[in-house]
C-alpha cells in the first residue's frame, strides 16, 4: 500500500511539473543601462523584474555580451539570496551570494541552466533569491542581453502562491536618533500588501550597541494617509508601529502577525509608506530592508523611481539593487503572452488542465486500489481454475 501511494504521489508531482513547463514563457530584460566593466557587476536582474522562483526545470538564462576573449565565458552569474542556515550572524540568517558558471558559451552568449542555478544555491530555495547579478569574469565586458526562457508568468505565480524575496537598498543611508526614522520606502519600492502568513521583513542597520542588546533598537512603521479599512484609522490616517520578534545590534525581524496587530487589520492595501526608525536606544543607520517570501501580484508593477522619498532629506533615495557603483536596475521589456492582460481566460484554462490531470491520476489510483482490495479478499482455486471468495 505504501509503495502504491508513493507511486501515486510521484505521478501527481510529475504531472504538475510538466503542466507548469507547458505554460512557461520567456522574459527579456532591458539591458540598455548595463555598464562596461572588467570586474564587478555589469548588469543586475532584480526579483521585482524577474524572480528566480519563476524558473521551471526547463529554464535557461541566456546572457549576451560584448567584449571578452578566449573559449571560457567572460561573464558569470552571482545570485544574491537570503541564507537561512544556522551558522550566520543572525538567528534567522543573513544575505549571501553564490556564483554560477556558464555551462555553454557560443557566439557572444553565455548559457546558464536551471541545474546550474539550483546546484549553486544548495539547500536554499529559489524564492530566497533577491537579485541575479551579471559579473565580469576575467575580461572587460558589457551585458547586451538578458533572457530567461520557460519561466512562469506573474499570473501563474500568483494563482499558485509562488513566493519571492525582494531587497530595498539605501543608496545614501541616513542616521536617525531619538525616535526618528532612518529610511522610508514607498509602495513603488515595497508593496506591503504582498505580505502574507510566513512572510517576514528584515531590517539591516548599523548601531553603537553590543550584539546581545536586550531592548529592540529599531521599529518598523506602517503609514497610511487615506485609510478606509483599518479600525485604528483616525481621520483616515494610521501610524502603526511594529516591534521586532527577533533582533540584535545589526538585524531585526518583523513578522506578519505583529504587523497585523499594529495596523489593526491584515489588509495592508492602504499602506503608502513604511519606515525603519530608532527607539531611542542608539543612533541607527538602516542600509537595507529585505522582504522574504512575499506574494506575487498578477499585474505590471511600477518601475523603480530614482526619487523615492527618504526620511532625512531627498538625497536618501532607495533602490532594489545590490550596492555597487556599476549596478543599475532592470526593467521588463517584453513578457510571454500568458501574462498579458488580454488573456483573462488563461487562468481558468490552466486550472482546468491541472484539475483534469490530477483527476485522471486519482481515478487510475482508485481503480488500482479496488483491484488490489478485491484480490486480497479472494484466493485461487486450482481445481476450478479461477478466483473464489475466501
Protein backbone atom coordinates (compact mmCIF):
# COMPACT_ATOMS: atom_id res chain seq x y z
CA UNK A 1 0.00 0.00 0.00
CA UNK A 2 2.80 2.45 0.93
CA UNK A 3 4.60 1.67 -2.32
CA UNK A 4 1.43 2.25 -4.33
CA UNK A 5 0.81 5.56 -2.53
CA UNK A 6 4.40 6.68 -3.21
CA UNK A 7 3.99 5.94 -6.91
CA UNK A 8 0.68 7.82 -6.86
CA UNK A 9 2.26 10.95 -5.33
CA UNK A 10 5.20 10.78 -7.73
CA UNK A 11 2.83 10.70 -10.70
CA UNK A 12 0.97 13.77 -9.38
CA UNK A 13 4.25 15.69 -8.86
CA UNK A 14 5.45 14.82 -12.36
CA UNK A 15 2.12 15.85 -13.86
CA UNK A 16 2.19 19.21 -12.07
CA UNK A 17 5.80 19.89 -13.15
CA UNK A 18 5.01 19.11 -16.78
CA UNK A 19 1.92 21.34 -16.64
CA UNK A 20 3.93 24.34 -15.39
CA UNK A 21 6.58 23.74 -18.05
CA UNK A 22 3.89 23.65 -20.72
CA UNK A 23 2.65 27.11 -19.71
CA UNK A 24 6.07 28.69 -19.24
CA UNK A 25 7.22 31.53 -21.49
CA UNK A 26 10.25 33.78 -21.96
CA UNK A 27 11.17 37.06 -20.24
CA UNK A 28 13.65 39.51 -21.77
CA UNK A 29 15.03 42.31 -19.61
CA UNK A 30 16.12 45.74 -20.81
CA UNK A 31 19.93 45.97 -20.58
CA UNK A 32 20.39 49.46 -22.03
CA UNK A 33 21.78 50.74 -18.71
CA UNK A 34 24.33 47.95 -18.37
CA UNK A 35 27.90 49.20 -17.94
CA UNK A 36 31.27 48.10 -19.23
CA UNK A 37 33.50 46.64 -16.54
CA UNK A 38 36.49 44.37 -16.12
CA UNK A 39 35.49 43.42 -12.61
CA UNK A 40 32.27 43.65 -10.69
CA UNK A 41 28.71 44.00 -11.93
CA UNK A 42 27.74 44.90 -15.47
CA UNK A 43 24.00 44.27 -15.05
CA UNK A 44 21.50 43.24 -12.34
CA UNK A 45 18.17 41.45 -12.65
CA UNK A 46 16.16 42.26 -9.51
CA UNK A 47 13.47 39.93 -8.23
CA UNK A 48 10.81 42.61 -8.82
CA UNK A 49 11.52 42.25 -12.54
CA UNK A 50 12.40 38.56 -12.64
CA UNK A 51 12.11 36.23 -9.65
CA UNK A 52 14.16 33.04 -9.55
CA UNK A 53 11.04 31.30 -8.23
CA UNK A 54 9.55 31.82 -11.70
CA UNK A 55 12.09 29.34 -13.09
CA UNK A 56 10.99 25.87 -14.17
CA UNK A 57 13.10 22.79 -14.77
CA UNK A 58 13.30 23.81 -18.44
CA UNK A 59 14.55 27.35 -17.73
CA UNK A 60 17.80 28.64 -19.17
CA UNK A 61 19.27 32.10 -18.59
CA UNK A 62 20.98 33.47 -21.68
CA UNK A 63 23.36 36.40 -21.25
CA UNK A 64 24.56 38.19 -24.37
CA UNK A 65 27.71 40.26 -24.03
CA UNK A 66 30.27 42.30 -25.92
CA UNK A 67 33.96 42.05 -25.18
CA UNK A 68 35.75 39.13 -23.64
CA UNK A 69 38.13 36.72 -25.30
CA UNK A 70 39.07 33.07 -25.16
CA UNK A 71 36.97 29.93 -25.02
CA UNK A 72 35.78 30.43 -21.43
CA UNK A 73 32.80 32.58 -20.55
CA UNK A 74 33.84 36.15 -19.65
CA UNK A 75 30.70 36.53 -17.51
CA UNK A 76 29.23 34.68 -14.55
CA UNK A 77 26.01 34.95 -12.57
CA UNK A 78 26.11 35.86 -8.90
CA UNK A 79 22.92 35.05 -7.01
CA UNK A 80 22.11 37.31 -4.07
CA UNK A 81 19.90 35.38 -1.66
CA UNK A 82 18.82 35.22 1.97
CA UNK A 83 20.67 32.34 3.62
CA UNK A 84 18.63 30.81 6.45
CA UNK A 85 21.27 28.38 7.69
CA UNK A 86 22.06 28.36 11.41
CA UNK A 87 25.71 29.40 11.10
CA UNK A 88 25.13 33.04 10.15
CA UNK A 89 25.47 36.13 12.34
CA UNK A 90 21.71 36.41 12.86
CA UNK A 91 19.31 33.79 14.19
CA UNK A 92 17.17 33.97 11.05
CA UNK A 93 20.05 34.03 8.56
CA UNK A 94 21.76 36.77 6.59
CA UNK A 95 22.34 37.87 2.98
CA UNK A 96 24.70 35.67 0.99
CA UNK A 97 25.83 35.11 -2.60
CA UNK A 98 26.55 32.15 -4.86
CA UNK A 99 28.46 32.09 -8.15
CA UNK A 100 27.11 30.28 -11.20
CA UNK A 101 29.43 29.36 -14.06
CA UNK A 102 28.10 29.12 -17.61
CA UNK A 103 27.51 25.60 -18.91
CA UNK A 104 27.79 26.74 -22.54
CA UNK A 105 29.37 29.64 -24.43
CA UNK A 106 28.76 30.42 -28.10
CA UNK A 107 28.73 33.47 -30.35
CA UNK A 108 28.88 36.09 -27.61
CA UNK A 109 26.29 34.39 -25.41
CA UNK A 110 26.67 32.54 -22.11
CA UNK A 111 24.03 29.97 -21.15
CA UNK A 112 23.15 29.04 -17.56
CA UNK A 113 20.78 26.14 -16.91
CA UNK A 114 18.24 25.52 -14.15
CA UNK A 115 20.51 22.76 -12.85
CA UNK A 116 23.47 25.19 -12.71
CA UNK A 117 21.45 27.68 -10.67
CA UNK A 118 19.88 25.24 -8.20
CA UNK A 119 23.20 23.49 -7.64
CA UNK A 120 24.82 26.82 -6.72
CA UNK A 121 22.02 27.56 -4.23
CA UNK A 122 22.35 24.21 -2.49
CA UNK A 123 19.59 23.77 0.10
CA UNK A 124 18.33 27.35 -0.32
CA UNK A 125 15.06 27.83 -2.19
CA UNK A 126 14.72 29.79 -5.41
CA UNK A 127 12.27 32.06 -3.58
CA UNK A 128 15.16 33.27 -1.36
CA UNK A 129 16.94 34.96 -4.31
CA UNK A 130 16.53 38.75 -4.39
CA UNK A 131 18.93 39.59 -7.25
CA UNK A 132 20.84 37.99 -10.11
CA UNK A 133 24.00 39.92 -10.97
CA UNK A 134 25.91 39.53 -14.22
CA UNK A 135 29.57 39.99 -13.34
CA UNK A 136 32.74 40.16 -15.40
CA UNK A 137 34.89 37.07 -15.01
CA UNK A 138 38.42 37.91 -16.06
CA UNK A 139 37.70 40.16 -19.07
CA UNK A 140 36.25 43.56 -19.88
CA UNK A 141 32.62 43.03 -20.87
CA UNK A 142 29.24 44.72 -21.24
CA UNK A 143 25.99 42.83 -20.85
CA UNK A 144 23.94 43.40 -24.01
CA UNK A 145 21.07 40.98 -23.40
CA UNK A 146 19.41 39.02 -20.59
CA UNK A 147 16.73 36.45 -21.37
CA UNK A 148 15.20 33.77 -19.15
CA UNK A 149 13.37 31.06 -21.10
CA UNK A 150 10.49 28.85 -19.97
CA UNK A 151 9.59 30.85 -16.86
CA UNK A 152 6.22 31.22 -15.16
CA UNK A 153 4.25 34.42 -15.66
CA UNK A 154 3.29 36.63 -12.71
CA UNK A 155 -0.29 35.45 -13.17
CA UNK A 156 0.73 31.82 -12.77
CA UNK A 157 2.92 32.74 -9.80
CA UNK A 158 0.00 34.50 -8.09
CA UNK A 159 -2.51 31.74 -8.79
CA UNK A 160 -0.20 29.09 -7.33
CA UNK A 161 1.12 31.20 -4.41
CA UNK A 162 4.76 31.04 -5.51
CA UNK A 163 6.69 33.46 -3.30
CA UNK A 164 9.67 35.75 -3.90
CA UNK A 165 12.15 37.84 -1.89
CA UNK A 166 12.98 41.48 -2.56
CA UNK A 167 15.64 43.83 -1.30
CA UNK A 168 15.47 47.62 -0.87
CA UNK A 169 18.91 49.20 -0.53
CA UNK A 170 19.58 52.74 0.69
CA UNK A 171 21.90 54.46 -1.77
CA UNK A 172 22.75 57.17 0.76
CA UNK A 173 21.83 55.82 4.22
CA UNK A 174 20.65 58.31 6.81
CA UNK A 175 21.26 58.10 10.56
CA UNK A 176 18.36 58.65 12.96
CA UNK A 177 18.17 59.02 16.74
CA UNK A 178 15.66 59.95 19.46
CA UNK A 179 12.76 58.09 17.81
CA UNK A 180 13.46 59.36 14.31
CA UNK A 181 13.29 57.43 11.03
CA UNK A 182 16.40 56.30 9.17
CA UNK A 183 14.75 55.15 5.94
CA UNK A 184 11.36 55.45 4.28
CA UNK A 185 10.15 53.24 1.45
CA UNK A 186 7.19 53.99 -0.80
CA UNK A 187 4.76 51.47 -2.23
CA UNK A 188 6.61 51.64 -5.56
CA UNK A 189 9.61 50.08 -3.85
CA UNK A 190 7.84 47.67 -1.50
CA UNK A 191 4.12 46.97 -1.66
CA UNK A 192 3.28 45.78 1.86
CA UNK A 193 0.04 44.21 0.62
CA UNK A 194 2.22 41.41 -0.80
CA UNK A 195 2.92 40.29 2.77
CA UNK A 196 1.15 37.12 3.93
CA UNK A 197 1.46 34.48 6.61
CA UNK A 198 5.04 33.19 6.69
CA UNK A 199 6.29 36.44 5.15
CA UNK A 200 8.90 38.46 7.03
CA UNK A 201 10.59 41.85 6.86
CA UNK A 202 14.22 42.06 7.99
CA UNK A 203 15.98 45.36 8.57
CA UNK A 204 19.78 45.56 8.37
CA UNK A 205 21.26 48.52 10.22
CA UNK A 206 24.31 49.92 11.99
CA UNK A 207 24.27 50.91 15.66
CA UNK A 208 26.55 51.61 18.63
CA UNK A 209 25.13 48.72 20.67
CA UNK A 210 26.58 45.35 21.67
CA UNK A 211 25.32 42.22 19.91
CA UNK A 212 23.46 40.93 22.97
CA UNK A 213 21.27 44.04 23.23
CA UNK A 214 18.23 43.46 25.47
CA UNK A 215 15.77 46.00 24.08
CA UNK A 216 14.97 46.37 20.37
CA UNK A 217 16.92 49.30 18.88
CA UNK A 218 14.64 49.65 15.83
CA UNK A 219 10.97 49.56 14.87
CA UNK A 220 9.01 49.07 11.64
CA UNK A 221 6.36 51.70 10.94
CA UNK A 222 3.40 51.35 8.55
CA UNK A 223 1.83 54.62 7.45
CA UNK A 224 -1.38 55.36 5.60
CA UNK A 225 -2.89 58.79 5.00
CA UNK A 226 -6.00 57.66 3.14
CA UNK A 227 -7.13 54.54 5.01
CA UNK A 228 -10.72 53.39 4.81
CA UNK A 229 -10.13 49.87 6.16
CA UNK A 230 -8.17 49.79 9.41
CA UNK A 231 -10.19 50.22 12.64
CA UNK A 232 -7.19 52.13 14.01
CA UNK A 233 -7.53 54.86 11.37
CA UNK A 234 -8.13 58.35 12.69
CA UNK A 235 -9.10 60.88 10.05
CA UNK A 236 -8.09 58.15 7.55
CA UNK A 237 -4.55 58.11 8.98
CA UNK A 238 -2.69 55.17 10.51
CA UNK A 239 0.78 55.18 12.06
CA UNK A 240 1.29 51.55 13.04
CA UNK A 241 4.49 50.83 14.99
CA UNK A 242 5.75 47.25 14.91
CA UNK A 243 8.30 45.79 17.34
CA UNK A 244 10.67 43.09 16.05
CA UNK A 245 10.25 39.49 17.24
CA UNK A 246 13.97 38.72 16.78
CA UNK A 247 16.79 41.27 16.91
CA UNK A 248 20.38 42.06 17.76
CA UNK A 249 22.57 45.11 17.19
CA UNK A 250 22.54 44.70 13.41
CA UNK A 251 19.39 42.83 12.35
CA UNK A 252 15.71 42.95 13.24
CA UNK A 253 12.94 40.62 12.03
CA UNK A 254 9.28 41.66 11.84
CA UNK A 255 6.57 39.06 11.24
CA UNK A 256 3.17 39.29 9.58
CA UNK A 257 1.19 38.74 12.79
CA UNK A 258 2.90 41.65 14.55
CA UNK A 259 2.18 43.90 11.56
CA UNK A 260 -1.47 42.86 11.61
CA UNK A 261 -1.76 43.69 15.32
CA UNK A 262 -0.07 47.07 14.92
CA UNK A 263 -2.04 48.10 11.85
CA UNK A 264 -5.39 46.76 13.02
CA UNK A 265 -6.10 44.54 10.00
CA UNK A 266 -4.38 42.07 7.69
CA UNK A 267 -5.38 44.19 4.69
CA UNK A 268 -2.38 46.44 4.01
CA UNK A 269 -3.62 47.75 0.67
CA UNK A 270 -3.90 51.31 2.01
CA UNK A 271 -0.32 51.45 3.34
CA UNK A 272 1.59 54.03 1.33
CA UNK A 273 4.93 54.23 3.15
CA UNK A 274 6.94 52.12 5.57
CA UNK A 275 9.83 53.26 7.76
CA UNK A 276 12.63 51.84 9.86
CA UNK A 277 13.15 54.06 12.88
CA UNK A 278 15.19 54.01 16.07
CA UNK A 279 13.71 53.50 19.53
CA UNK A 280 15.94 55.95 21.41
CA UNK A 281 18.46 53.29 22.47
CA UNK A 282 21.14 54.29 19.97
CA UNK A 283 21.56 56.18 16.71
CA UNK A 284 20.87 53.74 13.85
CA UNK A 285 21.62 53.75 10.14
CA UNK A 286 19.41 51.41 8.13
CA UNK A 287 21.13 50.23 4.96
CA UNK A 288 18.77 47.53 3.70
CA UNK A 289 15.29 46.12 4.02
CA UNK A 290 14.54 42.56 2.93
CA UNK A 291 11.01 41.23 2.42
CA UNK A 292 11.11 37.44 2.47
CA UNK A 293 8.59 35.03 0.93
CA UNK A 294 6.13 37.67 -0.24
CA UNK A 295 3.27 37.08 -2.66
CA UNK A 296 3.33 37.91 -6.35
CA UNK A 297 0.74 40.34 -7.69
CA UNK A 298 -0.57 39.41 -11.12
CA UNK A 299 -0.19 42.81 -12.73
CA UNK A 300 2.51 45.06 -14.16
CA UNK A 301 4.45 46.57 -11.29
CA UNK A 302 5.57 50.21 -11.48
CA UNK A 303 9.18 50.90 -12.36
CA UNK A 304 11.55 51.77 -9.53
CA UNK A 305 11.77 55.52 -9.03
CA UNK A 306 15.15 57.11 -8.51
CA UNK A 307 13.49 59.84 -6.40
CA UNK A 308 11.64 57.80 -3.74
CA UNK A 309 11.01 59.72 -0.54
CA UNK A 310 13.67 59.40 2.17
CA UNK A 311 13.47 60.11 5.86
CA UNK A 312 16.18 62.72 6.34
CA UNK A 313 16.30 64.50 3.01
CA UNK A 314 15.93 63.96 -0.72
CA UNK A 315 19.43 62.51 -1.00
CA UNK A 316 18.40 59.26 0.68
CA UNK A 317 16.64 57.66 -2.26
CA UNK A 318 16.33 53.87 -2.16
CA UNK A 319 16.64 51.23 -4.82
CA UNK A 320 16.04 47.49 -5.01
CA UNK A 321 19.56 46.73 -6.24
CA UNK A 322 22.78 45.47 -4.74
CA UNK A 323 25.05 48.37 -3.68
CA UNK A 324 27.63 48.91 -6.41
CA UNK A 325 28.65 51.91 -8.47
CA UNK A 326 28.24 49.95 -11.69
CA UNK A 327 24.85 48.46 -10.90
CA UNK A 328 21.60 49.54 -12.49
CA UNK A 329 18.08 48.15 -12.05
CA UNK A 330 16.44 46.19 -14.83
CA UNK A 331 13.02 46.67 -16.37
CA UNK A 332 10.92 44.12 -18.19
CA UNK A 333 10.57 44.97 -21.86
CA UNK A 334 8.55 42.01 -23.01
CA UNK A 335 6.69 39.13 -21.49
CA UNK A 336 5.19 35.87 -22.63
CA UNK A 337 1.60 36.23 -23.82
CA UNK A 338 0.50 34.08 -20.87
CA UNK A 339 0.93 37.13 -18.60
CA UNK A 340 -0.85 39.56 -20.92
CA UNK A 341 -3.96 41.39 -19.71
CA UNK A 342 -5.99 40.31 -22.74
CA UNK A 343 -5.65 36.65 -21.76
CA UNK A 344 -8.19 36.75 -18.95
CA UNK A 345 -9.36 33.22 -19.51
CA UNK A 346 -5.89 31.66 -19.31
CA UNK A 347 -6.04 31.15 -15.55
CA UNK A 348 -9.27 29.19 -15.89
CA UNK A 349 -7.83 27.02 -18.67
CA UNK A 350 -4.68 26.44 -16.64
CA UNK A 351 -6.69 25.36 -13.59
CA UNK A 352 -8.90 23.07 -15.67
CA UNK A 353 -5.87 21.33 -17.15
CA UNK A 354 -4.31 20.81 -13.72
CA UNK A 355 -7.62 19.56 -12.31
CA UNK A 356 -8.05 17.23 -15.27
CA UNK A 357 -4.58 15.74 -14.87
CA UNK A 358 -4.94 15.24 -11.13
CA UNK A 359 -8.46 13.82 -11.50
CA UNK A 360 -7.24 11.31 -14.08
CA UNK A 361 -4.43 10.19 -11.79
CA UNK A 362 -6.85 9.87 -8.85
CA UNK A 363 -9.25 7.75 -10.90
CA UNK A 364 -6.41 5.49 -12.04
CA UNK A 365 -5.18 5.11 -8.47
CA UNK A 366 -8.71 4.33 -7.31
CA UNK A 367 -9.01 1.55 -9.86
CA UNK A 368 -5.69 0.10 -8.70
CA UNK A 369 -6.79 0.21 -5.08
CA UNK A 370 -10.12 -1.50 -5.93
CA UNK A 371 -8.34 -4.26 -7.81
CA UNK A 372 -5.84 -4.79 -5.01
CA UNK A 373 -8.63 -4.80 -2.44
CA UNK A 374 -10.68 -7.29 -4.40
CA UNK A 375 -7.73 -9.62 -4.89
CA UNK A 376 -6.94 -9.51 -1.19
CA UNK A 377 -10.44 -10.93 -0.45
CA UNK A 378 -10.14 -13.84 -2.95
CA UNK A 379 -7.99 -16.95 -3.36
CA UNK A 380 -7.20 -19.02 -6.42
CA UNK A 381 -8.89 -22.48 -6.63
CA UNK A 382 -6.57 -24.79 -8.62
CA UNK A 383 -9.39 -27.29 -9.25
CA UNK A 384 -11.87 -24.70 -10.57
CA UNK A 385 -9.12 -22.64 -12.28
CA UNK A 386 -10.49 -19.32 -11.03
CA UNK A 387 -10.57 -16.96 -8.03
CA UNK A 388 -13.12 -17.73 -5.31
CA UNK A 389 -14.03 -15.86 -2.13
CA UNK A 390 -12.01 -16.80 0.94
